[in-house]
PDB file of N, CA and C in Angstrom:
ATOM      1  N   MET A   1      15.238 -41.912  -2.445  1.00  0.00           N
ATOM      2  CA  MET A   1      14.474 -40.984  -1.624  1.00  0.00           C
ATOM      3  C   MET A   1      14.951 -39.549  -1.832  1.00  0.00           C
ATOM      4  N   ALA A   2      16.267 -39.353  -1.803  1.00  0.00           N
ATOM      5  CA  ALA A   2      16.814 -38.001  -1.982  1.00  0.00           C
ATOM      6  C   ALA A   2      16.486 -37.477  -3.369  1.00  0.00           C
ATOM      7  N   LEU A   3      16.510 -38.365  -4.369  1.00  0.00           N
ATOM      8  CA  LEU A   3      16.193 -37.944  -5.735  1.00  0.00           C
ATOM      9  C   LEU A   3      14.734 -37.496  -5.829  1.00  0.00           C
ATOM     10  N   ALA A   4      13.846 -38.195  -5.167  1.00  0.00           N
ATOM     11  CA  ALA A   4      12.422 -37.831  -5.192  1.00  0.00           C
ATOM     12  C   ALA A   4      12.208 -36.467  -4.535  1.00  0.00           C
ATOM     13  N   LEU A   5      12.880 -36.212  -3.424  1.00  0.00           N
ATOM     14  CA  LEU A   5      12.757 -34.913  -2.759  1.00  0.00           C
ATOM     15  C   LEU A   5      13.311 -33.794  -3.622  1.00  0.00           C
ATOM     16  N   ALA A   6      14.432 -34.043  -4.296  1.00  0.00           N
ATOM     17  CA  ALA A   6      15.028 -33.035  -5.180  1.00  0.00           C
ATOM     18  C   ALA A   6      14.091 -32.722  -6.336  1.00  0.00           C
ATOM     19  N   MET A   7      13.466 -33.752  -6.914  1.00  0.00           N
ATOM     20  CA  MET A   7      12.536 -33.528  -8.028  1.00  0.00           C
ATOM     21  C   MET A   7      11.311 -32.748  -7.564  1.00  0.00           C
ATOM     22  N   LEU A   8      10.817 -33.064  -6.380  1.00  0.00           N
ATOM     23  CA  LEU A   8       9.654 -32.370  -5.830  1.00  0.00           C
ATOM     24  C   LEU A   8       9.988 -30.898  -5.569  1.00  0.00           C
ATOM     25  N   ALA A   9      11.157 -30.633  -5.006  1.00  0.00           N
ATOM     26  CA  ALA A   9      11.573 -29.261  -4.731  1.00  0.00           C
ATOM     27  C   ALA A   9      11.732 -28.479  -6.022  1.00  0.00           C
ATOM     28  N   THR A  10      12.301 -29.093  -7.050  1.00  0.00           N
ATOM     29  CA  THR A  10      12.479 -28.419  -8.340  1.00  0.00           C
ATOM     30  C   THR A  10      11.131 -28.089  -8.961  1.00  0.00           C
ATOM     31  N   ALA A  11      10.188 -29.012  -8.909  1.00  0.00           N
ATOM     32  CA  ALA A  11       8.852 -28.768  -9.462  1.00  0.00           C
ATOM     33  C   ALA A  11       8.163 -27.636  -8.714  1.00  0.00           C
ATOM     34  N   SER A  12       8.330 -27.596  -7.394  1.00  0.00           N
ATOM     35  CA  SER A  12       7.716 -26.526  -6.596  1.00  0.00           C
ATOM     36  C   SER A  12       8.316 -25.177  -6.949  1.00  0.00           C
ATOM     37  N   LEU A  13       9.625 -25.111  -7.136  1.00  0.00           N
ATOM     38  CA  LEU A  13      10.274 -23.856  -7.499  1.00  0.00           C
ATOM     39  C   LEU A  13       9.809 -23.371  -8.866  1.00  0.00           C
ATOM     40  N   ARG A  14       9.659 -24.299  -9.816  1.00  0.00           N
ATOM     41  CA  ARG A  14       9.180 -23.898 -11.147  1.00  0.00           C
ATOM     42  C   ARG A  14       7.760 -23.355 -11.065  1.00  0.00           C
ATOM     43  N   ALA A  15       6.908 -23.966 -10.278  1.00  0.00           N
ATOM     44  CA  ALA A  15       5.528 -23.493 -10.127  1.00  0.00           C
ATOM     45  C   ALA A  15       5.512 -22.118  -9.475  1.00  0.00           C
ATOM     46  N   PHE A  16       6.373 -21.904  -8.492  1.00  0.00           N
ATOM     47  CA  PHE A  16       6.443 -20.604  -7.822  1.00  0.00           C
ATOM     48  C   PHE A  16       6.925 -19.534  -8.802  1.00  0.00           C
ATOM     49  N   ALA A  17       7.940 -19.825  -9.583  1.00  0.00           N
ATOM     50  CA  ALA A  17       8.476 -18.854 -10.542  1.00  0.00           C
ATOM     51  C   ALA A  17       7.445 -18.535 -11.624  1.00  0.00           C
ATOM     52  N   ALA A  18       6.693 -19.518 -12.064  1.00  0.00           N
ATOM     53  CA  ALA A  18       5.684 -19.288 -13.097  1.00  0.00           C
ATOM     54  C   ALA A  18       4.574 -18.371 -12.588  1.00  0.00           C
ATOM     55  N   ALA A  19       4.244 -18.470 -11.320  1.00  0.00           N
ATOM     56  CA  ALA A  19       3.181 -17.640 -10.755  1.00  0.00           C
ATOM     57  C   ALA A  19       3.623 -16.190 -10.617  1.00  0.00           C
ATOM     58  N   GLU A  20       4.925 -15.912 -10.673  1.00  0.00           N
ATOM     59  CA  GLU A  20       5.447 -14.564 -10.473  1.00  0.00           C
ATOM     60  C   GLU A  20       5.768 -13.862 -11.791  1.00  0.00           C
ATOM     61  N   THR A  21       5.148 -14.272 -12.882  1.00  0.00           N
ATOM     62  CA  THR A  21       5.387 -13.596 -14.151  1.00  0.00           C
ATOM     63  C   THR A  21       4.638 -12.271 -14.172  1.00  0.00           C
ATOM     64  N   LEU A  22       5.027 -11.389 -15.064  1.00  0.00           N
ATOM     65  CA  LEU A  22       4.396 -10.082 -15.156  1.00  0.00           C
ATOM     66  C   LEU A  22       2.895 -10.191 -15.414  1.00  0.00           C
ATOM     67  N   GLY A  23       2.494 -11.169 -16.179  1.00  0.00           N
ATOM     68  CA  GLY A  23       1.085 -11.359 -16.478  1.00  0.00           C
ATOM     69  C   GLY A  23       0.243 -11.769 -15.278  1.00  0.00           C
ATOM     70  N   SER A  24       0.891 -12.213 -14.198  1.00  0.00           N
ATOM     71  CA  SER A  24       0.128 -12.648 -13.029  1.00  0.00           C
ATOM     72  C   SER A  24      -0.227 -11.489 -12.095  1.00  0.00           C
ATOM     73  N   PHE A  25       0.301 -10.296 -12.374  1.00  0.00           N
ATOM     74  CA  PHE A  25       0.005  -9.134 -11.545  1.00  0.00           C
ATOM     75  C   PHE A  25      -1.118  -8.316 -12.162  1.00  0.00           C
ATOM     76  N   GLN A  26      -1.820  -7.583 -11.323  1.00  0.00           N
ATOM     77  CA  GLN A  26      -2.921  -6.745 -11.786  1.00  0.00           C
ATOM     78  C   GLN A  26      -2.654  -5.305 -11.366  1.00  0.00           C
ATOM     79  N   HIS A  27      -2.939  -4.369 -12.244  1.00  0.00           N
ATOM     80  CA  HIS A  27      -2.767  -2.945 -11.953  1.00  0.00           C
ATOM     81  C   HIS A  27      -4.119  -2.256 -12.075  1.00  0.00           C
ATOM     82  N   THR A  28      -4.463  -1.480 -11.076  1.00  0.00           N
ATOM     83  CA  THR A  28      -5.693  -0.699 -11.102  1.00  0.00           C
ATOM     84  C   THR A  28      -5.340   0.750 -10.844  1.00  0.00           C
ATOM     85  N   SER A  29      -5.835   1.627 -11.694  1.00  0.00           N
ATOM     86  CA  SER A  29      -5.603   3.057 -11.527  1.00  0.00           C
ATOM     87  C   SER A  29      -6.813   3.667 -10.836  1.00  0.00           C
ATOM     88  N   ASN A  30      -6.569   4.353  -9.735  1.00  0.00           N
ATOM     89  CA  ASN A  30      -7.658   5.005  -9.006  1.00  0.00           C
ATOM     90  C   ASN A  30      -7.554   6.509  -9.174  1.00  0.00           C
ATOM     91  N   ARG A  31      -8.700   7.129  -9.397  1.00  0.00           N
ATOM     92  CA  ARG A  31      -8.748   8.576  -9.617  1.00  0.00           C
ATOM     93  C   ARG A  31      -9.636   9.229  -8.558  1.00  0.00           C
ATOM     94  N   ALA A  32      -9.758  10.533  -8.648  1.00  0.00           N
ATOM     95  CA  ALA A  32     -10.596  11.272  -7.702  1.00  0.00           C
ATOM     96  C   ALA A  32     -12.040  10.767  -7.722  1.00  0.00           C
ATOM     97  N   ALA A  33     -12.505  10.308  -8.866  1.00  0.00           N
ATOM     98  CA  ALA A  33     -13.879   9.802  -8.957  1.00  0.00           C
ATOM     99  C   ALA A  33     -14.092   8.587  -8.049  1.00  0.00           C
ATOM    100  N   GLU A  34     -13.032   7.816  -7.790  1.00  0.00           N
ATOM    101  CA  GLU A  34     -13.117   6.673  -6.891  1.00  0.00           C
ATOM    102  C   GLU A  34     -12.811   7.062  -5.438  1.00  0.00           C
ATOM    103  N   GLY A  35     -12.495   8.334  -5.211  1.00  0.00           N
ATOM    104  CA  GLY A  35     -12.201   8.804  -3.865  1.00  0.00           C
ATOM    105  C   GLY A  35     -10.727   8.954  -3.560  1.00  0.00           C
ATOM    106  N   ALA A  36      -9.870   8.689  -4.539  1.00  0.00           N
ATOM    107  CA  ALA A  36      -8.431   8.833  -4.314  1.00  0.00           C
ATOM    108  C   ALA A  36      -8.081  10.303  -4.132  1.00  0.00           C
ATOM    109  N   PRO A  37      -7.160  10.602  -3.222  1.00  0.00           N
ATOM    110  CA  PRO A  37      -6.766  12.003  -3.047  1.00  0.00           C
ATOM    111  C   PRO A  37      -6.042  12.508  -4.291  1.00  0.00           C
ATOM    112  N   GLY A  38      -6.196  13.805  -4.556  1.00  0.00           N
ATOM    113  CA  GLY A  38      -5.578  14.380  -5.743  1.00  0.00           C
ATOM    114  C   GLY A  38      -4.078  14.510  -5.634  1.00  0.00           C
ATOM    115  N   TYR A  39      -3.589  14.817  -4.458  1.00  0.00           N
ATOM    116  CA  TYR A  39      -2.159  14.982  -4.241  1.00  0.00           C
ATOM    117  C   TYR A  39      -1.781  14.232  -2.968  1.00  0.00           C
ATOM    118  N   ILE A  40      -0.753  13.412  -3.038  1.00  0.00           N
ATOM    119  CA  ILE A  40      -0.305  12.640  -1.879  1.00  0.00           C
ATOM    120  C   ILE A  40       1.102  13.081  -1.526  1.00  0.00           C
ATOM    121  N   SER A  41       1.265  13.585  -0.303  1.00  0.00           N
ATOM    122  CA  SER A  41       2.602  13.989   0.138  1.00  0.00           C
ATOM    123  C   SER A  41       3.223  12.956   1.067  1.00  0.00           C
ATOM    124  N   ARG A  42       2.417  12.124   1.694  1.00  0.00           N
ATOM    125  CA  ARG A  42       2.905  11.091   2.602  1.00  0.00           C
ATOM    126  C   ARG A  42       2.091   9.819   2.390  1.00  0.00           C
ATOM    127  N   LEU A  43       2.760   8.683   2.566  1.00  0.00           N
ATOM    128  CA  LEU A  43       2.106   7.387   2.407  1.00  0.00           C
ATOM    129  C   LEU A  43       2.628   6.465   3.499  1.00  0.00           C
ATOM    130  N   ALA A  44       1.717   5.764   4.178  1.00  0.00           N
ATOM    131  CA  ALA A  44       2.110   4.835   5.236  1.00  0.00           C
ATOM    132  C   ALA A  44       1.173   3.636   5.217  1.00  0.00           C
ATOM    133  N   GLN A  45       1.704   2.487   5.628  1.00  0.00           N
ATOM    134  CA  GLN A  45       0.880   1.295   5.780  1.00  0.00           C
ATOM    135  C   GLN A  45       0.942   0.873   7.236  1.00  0.00           C
ATOM    136  N   THR A  46      -0.235   0.659   7.829  1.00  0.00           N
ATOM    137  CA  THR A  46      -0.300   0.253   9.223  1.00  0.00           C
ATOM    138  C   THR A  46      -0.266  -1.270   9.320  1.00  0.00           C
ATOM    139  N   THR A  47      -0.045  -1.773  10.511  1.00  0.00           N
ATOM    140  CA  THR A  47       0.083  -3.222  10.704  1.00  0.00           C
ATOM    141  C   THR A  47      -1.198  -3.983  10.359  1.00  0.00           C
ATOM    142  N   ASP A  48      -2.337  -3.305  10.348  1.00  0.00           N
ATOM    143  CA  ASP A  48      -3.592  -3.963   9.966  1.00  0.00           C
ATOM    144  C   ASP A  48      -3.801  -3.976   8.452  1.00  0.00           C
ATOM    145  N   GLY A  49      -2.834  -3.454   7.689  1.00  0.00           N
ATOM    146  CA  GLY A  49      -2.873  -3.538   6.230  1.00  0.00           C
ATOM    147  C   GLY A  49      -3.411  -2.319   5.521  1.00  0.00           C
ATOM    148  N   PHE A  50      -3.972  -1.362   6.237  1.00  0.00           N
ATOM    149  CA  PHE A  50      -4.514  -0.170   5.592  1.00  0.00           C
ATOM    150  C   PHE A  50      -3.389   0.717   5.064  1.00  0.00           C
ATOM    151  N   LEU A  51      -3.627   1.348   3.917  1.00  0.00           N
ATOM    152  CA  LEU A  51      -2.736   2.379   3.408  1.00  0.00           C
ATOM    153  C   LEU A  51      -3.335   3.720   3.796  1.00  0.00           C
ATOM    154  N   TRP A  52      -2.524   4.590   4.360  1.00  0.00           N
ATOM    155  CA  TRP A  52      -2.949   5.937   4.737  1.00  0.00           C
ATOM    156  C   TRP A  52      -2.226   6.913   3.838  1.00  0.00           C
ATOM    157  N   MET A  53      -2.981   7.802   3.197  1.00  0.00           N
ATOM    158  CA  MET A  53      -2.426   8.801   2.295  1.00  0.00           C
ATOM    159  C   MET A  53      -2.743  10.184   2.824  1.00  0.00           C
ATOM    160  N   ALA A  54      -1.717  11.006   2.924  1.00  0.00           N
ATOM    161  CA  ALA A  54      -1.905  12.371   3.425  1.00  0.00           C
ATOM    162  C   ALA A  54      -1.623  13.353   2.307  1.00  0.00           C
ATOM    163  N   GLY A  55      -2.508  14.313   2.177  1.00  0.00           N
ATOM    164  CA  GLY A  55      -2.320  15.429   1.258  1.00  0.00           C
ATOM    165  C   GLY A  55      -2.196  16.703   2.077  1.00  0.00           C
ATOM    166  N   PRO A  56      -2.154  17.844   1.410  1.00  0.00           N
ATOM    167  CA  PRO A  56      -1.994  19.101   2.136  1.00  0.00           C
ATOM    168  C   PRO A  56      -3.078  19.358   3.185  1.00  0.00           C
ATOM    169  N   LYS A  57      -4.305  18.939   2.919  1.00  0.00           N
ATOM    170  CA  LYS A  57      -5.395  19.210   3.867  1.00  0.00           C
ATOM    171  C   LYS A  57      -6.327  18.024   4.050  1.00  0.00           C
ATOM    172  N   GLU A  58      -5.823  16.809   3.760  1.00  0.00           N
ATOM    173  CA  GLU A  58      -6.692  15.644   3.899  1.00  0.00           C
ATOM    174  C   GLU A  58      -5.885  14.404   4.283  1.00  0.00           C
ATOM    175  N   LEU A  59      -6.590  13.460   4.870  1.00  0.00           N
ATOM    176  CA  LEU A  59      -6.037  12.170   5.231  1.00  0.00           C
ATOM    177  C   LEU A  59      -7.045  11.125   4.781  1.00  0.00           C
ATOM    178  N   VAL A  60      -6.570  10.146   4.011  1.00  0.00           N
ATOM    179  CA  VAL A  60      -7.465   9.152   3.426  1.00  0.00           C
ATOM    180  C   VAL A  60      -6.931   7.754   3.733  1.00  0.00           C
ATOM    181  N   ARG A  61      -7.833   6.842   4.071  1.00  0.00           N
ATOM    182  CA  ARG A  61      -7.479   5.445   4.313  1.00  0.00           C
ATOM    183  C   ARG A  61      -7.932   4.606   3.123  1.00  0.00           C
ATOM    184  N   PHE A  62      -7.068   3.697   2.680  1.00  0.00           N
ATOM    185  CA  PHE A  62      -7.403   2.800   1.565  1.00  0.00           C
ATOM    186  C   PHE A  62      -7.287   1.367   2.057  1.00  0.00           C
ATOM    187  N   ASP A  63      -8.365   0.597   1.867  1.00  0.00           N
ATOM    188  CA  ASP A  63      -8.384  -0.784   2.344  1.00  0.00           C
ATOM    189  C   ASP A  63      -8.129  -1.802   1.243  1.00  0.00           C
ATOM    190  N   GLY A  64      -7.746  -1.341   0.062  1.00  0.00           N
ATOM    191  CA  GLY A  64      -7.522  -2.227  -1.070  1.00  0.00           C
ATOM    192  C   GLY A  64      -8.686  -2.211  -2.039  1.00  0.00           C
ATOM    193  N   VAL A  65      -9.823  -1.675  -1.595  1.00  0.00           N
ATOM    194  CA  VAL A  65     -11.016  -1.600  -2.438  1.00  0.00           C
ATOM    195  C   VAL A  65     -11.532  -0.167  -2.523  1.00  0.00           C
ATOM    196  N   GLN A  66     -11.682   0.467  -1.374  1.00  0.00           N
ATOM    197  CA  GLN A  66     -12.266   1.811  -1.385  1.00  0.00           C
ATOM    198  C   GLN A  66     -11.461   2.782  -0.524  1.00  0.00           C
ATOM    199  N   PHE A  67     -11.625   4.060  -0.827  1.00  0.00           N
ATOM    200  CA  PHE A  67     -10.983   5.145  -0.100  1.00  0.00           C
ATOM    201  C   PHE A  67     -11.977   5.714   0.904  1.00  0.00           C
ATOM    202  N   THR A  68     -11.519   5.939   2.131  1.00  0.00           N
ATOM    203  CA  THR A  68     -12.363   6.515   3.175  1.00  0.00           C
ATOM    204  C   THR A  68     -11.662   7.734   3.748  1.00  0.00           C
ATOM    205  N   PRO A  69     -12.243   8.936   3.539  1.00  0.00           N
ATOM    206  CA  PRO A  69     -11.621  10.139   4.113  1.00  0.00           C
ATOM    207  C   PRO A  69     -11.702  10.102   5.639  1.00  0.00           C
ATOM    208  N   PHE A  70     -10.624  10.506   6.275  1.00  0.00           N
ATOM    209  CA  PHE A  70     -10.610  10.605   7.732  1.00  0.00           C
ATOM    210  C   PHE A  70     -11.270  11.911   8.127  1.00  0.00           C
ATOM    211  N   LYS A  71     -12.228  11.815   9.022  1.00  0.00           N
ATOM    212  CA  LYS A  71     -12.933  13.008   9.497  1.00  0.00           C
ATOM    213  C   LYS A  71     -12.620  13.184  10.976  1.00  0.00           C
ATOM    214  N   PRO A  72     -11.941  14.287  11.345  1.00  0.00           N
ATOM    215  CA  PRO A  72     -11.635  14.513  12.763  1.00  0.00           C
ATOM    216  C   PRO A  72     -12.908  14.714  13.590  1.00  0.00           C
ATOM    217  N   VAL A  73     -12.777  14.502  14.871  1.00  0.00           N
ATOM    218  CA  VAL A  73     -13.865  14.734  15.812  1.00  0.00           C
ATOM    219  C   VAL A  73     -14.243  16.217  15.729  1.00  0.00           C
ATOM    220  N   PRO A  74     -15.541  16.561  15.800  1.00  0.00           N
ATOM    221  CA  PRO A  74     -15.916  17.974  15.760  1.00  0.00           C
ATOM    222  C   PRO A  74     -15.130  18.793  16.790  1.00  0.00           C
ATOM    223  N   GLY A  75     -14.622  19.921  16.342  1.00  0.00           N
ATOM    224  CA  GLY A  75     -13.817  20.788  17.191  1.00  0.00           C
ATOM    225  C   GLY A  75     -12.320  20.550  17.033  1.00  0.00           C
ATOM    226  N   GLU A  76     -11.931  19.449  16.405  1.00  0.00           N
ATOM    227  CA  GLU A  76     -10.526  19.169  16.155  1.00  0.00           C
ATOM    228  C   GLU A  76     -10.253  19.304  14.663  1.00  0.00           C
ATOM    229  N   HIS A  77      -8.985  19.421  14.304  1.00  0.00           N
ATOM    230  CA  HIS A  77      -8.632  19.543  12.898  1.00  0.00           C
ATOM    231  C   HIS A  77      -7.291  18.864  12.648  1.00  0.00           C
ATOM    232  N   LEU A  78      -7.051  18.551  11.389  1.00  0.00           N
ATOM    233  CA  LEU A  78      -5.768  17.964  11.013  1.00  0.00           C
ATOM    234  C   LEU A  78      -4.694  19.039  11.044  1.00  0.00           C
ATOM    235  N   LEU A  79      -3.500  18.648  11.393  1.00  0.00           N
ATOM    236  CA  LEU A  79      -2.382  19.586  11.332  1.00  0.00           C
ATOM    237  C   LEU A  79      -2.051  19.863   9.875  1.00  0.00           C
ATOM    238  N   GLU A  80      -1.580  21.045   9.591  1.00  0.00           N
ATOM    239  CA  GLU A  80      -1.182  21.381   8.229  1.00  0.00           C
ATOM    240  C   GLU A  80       0.019  20.542   7.828  1.00  0.00           C
ATOM    241  N   ALA A  81       0.029  20.086   6.595  1.00  0.00           N
ATOM    242  CA  ALA A  81       1.159  19.306   6.096  1.00  0.00           C
ATOM    243  C   ALA A  81       2.362  20.216   5.882  1.00  0.00           C
ATOM    244  N   ARG A  82       3.525  19.711   6.230  1.00  0.00           N
ATOM    245  CA  ARG A  82       4.758  20.455   5.980  1.00  0.00           C
ATOM    246  C   ARG A  82       5.386  19.919   4.704  1.00  0.00           C
ATOM    247  N   SER A  83       5.968  20.797   3.926  1.00  0.00           N
ATOM    248  CA  SER A  83       6.514  20.378   2.639  1.00  0.00           C
ATOM    249  C   SER A  83       7.931  19.842   2.728  1.00  0.00           C
ATOM    250  N   GLU A  84       8.645  20.143   3.809  1.00  0.00           N
ATOM    251  CA  GLU A  84      10.021  19.676   3.882  1.00  0.00           C
ATOM    252  C   GLU A  84      10.075  18.198   4.250  1.00  0.00           C
ATOM    253  N   TYR A  85      11.105  17.547   3.773  1.00  0.00           N
ATOM    254  CA  TYR A  85      11.296  16.125   4.049  1.00  0.00           C
ATOM    255  C   TYR A  85      12.302  15.981   5.177  1.00  0.00           C
ATOM    256  N   ARG A  86      11.934  15.229   6.185  1.00  0.00           N
ATOM    257  CA  ARG A  86      12.847  14.971   7.299  1.00  0.00           C
ATOM    258  C   ARG A  86      12.990  13.473   7.467  1.00  0.00           C
ATOM    259  N   PRO A  87      14.128  12.935   7.100  1.00  0.00           N
ATOM    260  CA  PRO A  87      14.298  11.487   7.275  1.00  0.00           C
ATOM    261  C   PRO A  87      14.289  11.111   8.752  1.00  0.00           C
ATOM    262  N   ARG A  88      13.770   9.945   9.043  1.00  0.00           N
ATOM    263  CA  ARG A  88      13.751   9.480  10.422  1.00  0.00           C
ATOM    264  C   ARG A  88      15.153   9.099  10.849  1.00  0.00           C
ATOM    265  N   PRO A  89      15.507   9.390  12.076  1.00  0.00           N
ATOM    266  CA  PRO A  89      16.866   9.024  12.536  1.00  0.00           C
ATOM    267  C   PRO A  89      16.998   7.512  12.630  1.00  0.00           C
ATOM    268  N   ASN A  90      18.194   7.033  12.400  1.00  0.00           N
ATOM    269  CA  ASN A  90      18.463   5.600  12.543  1.00  0.00           C
ATOM    270  C   ASN A  90      18.425   5.238  14.027  1.00  0.00           C
ATOM    271  N   LEU A  91      17.671   4.216  14.321  1.00  0.00           N
ATOM    272  CA  LEU A  91      17.552   3.794  15.733  1.00  0.00           C
ATOM    273  C   LEU A  91      18.461   2.631  16.024  1.00  0.00           C
TER     274      LEU A  91
END
């Protein structure tokens, strides 16, 4: 019984390792024509999986397929991006 479990675990590990080869990954380059921002100064991922990219005067959401520019409510505006880097304090 123990030998059968060991063989099963080894086979599962080999299958997992084979799936993680470089050839199993895909790379897609997105440009301005697809809606990607030209310059990204900040990048964050929210708990719902969206990537948010901030540039000097824009904020864009990426859902894995398309880019959606964030449009503030009329009368409001985005804050200007600051160029200095401030690490978050350790909590």
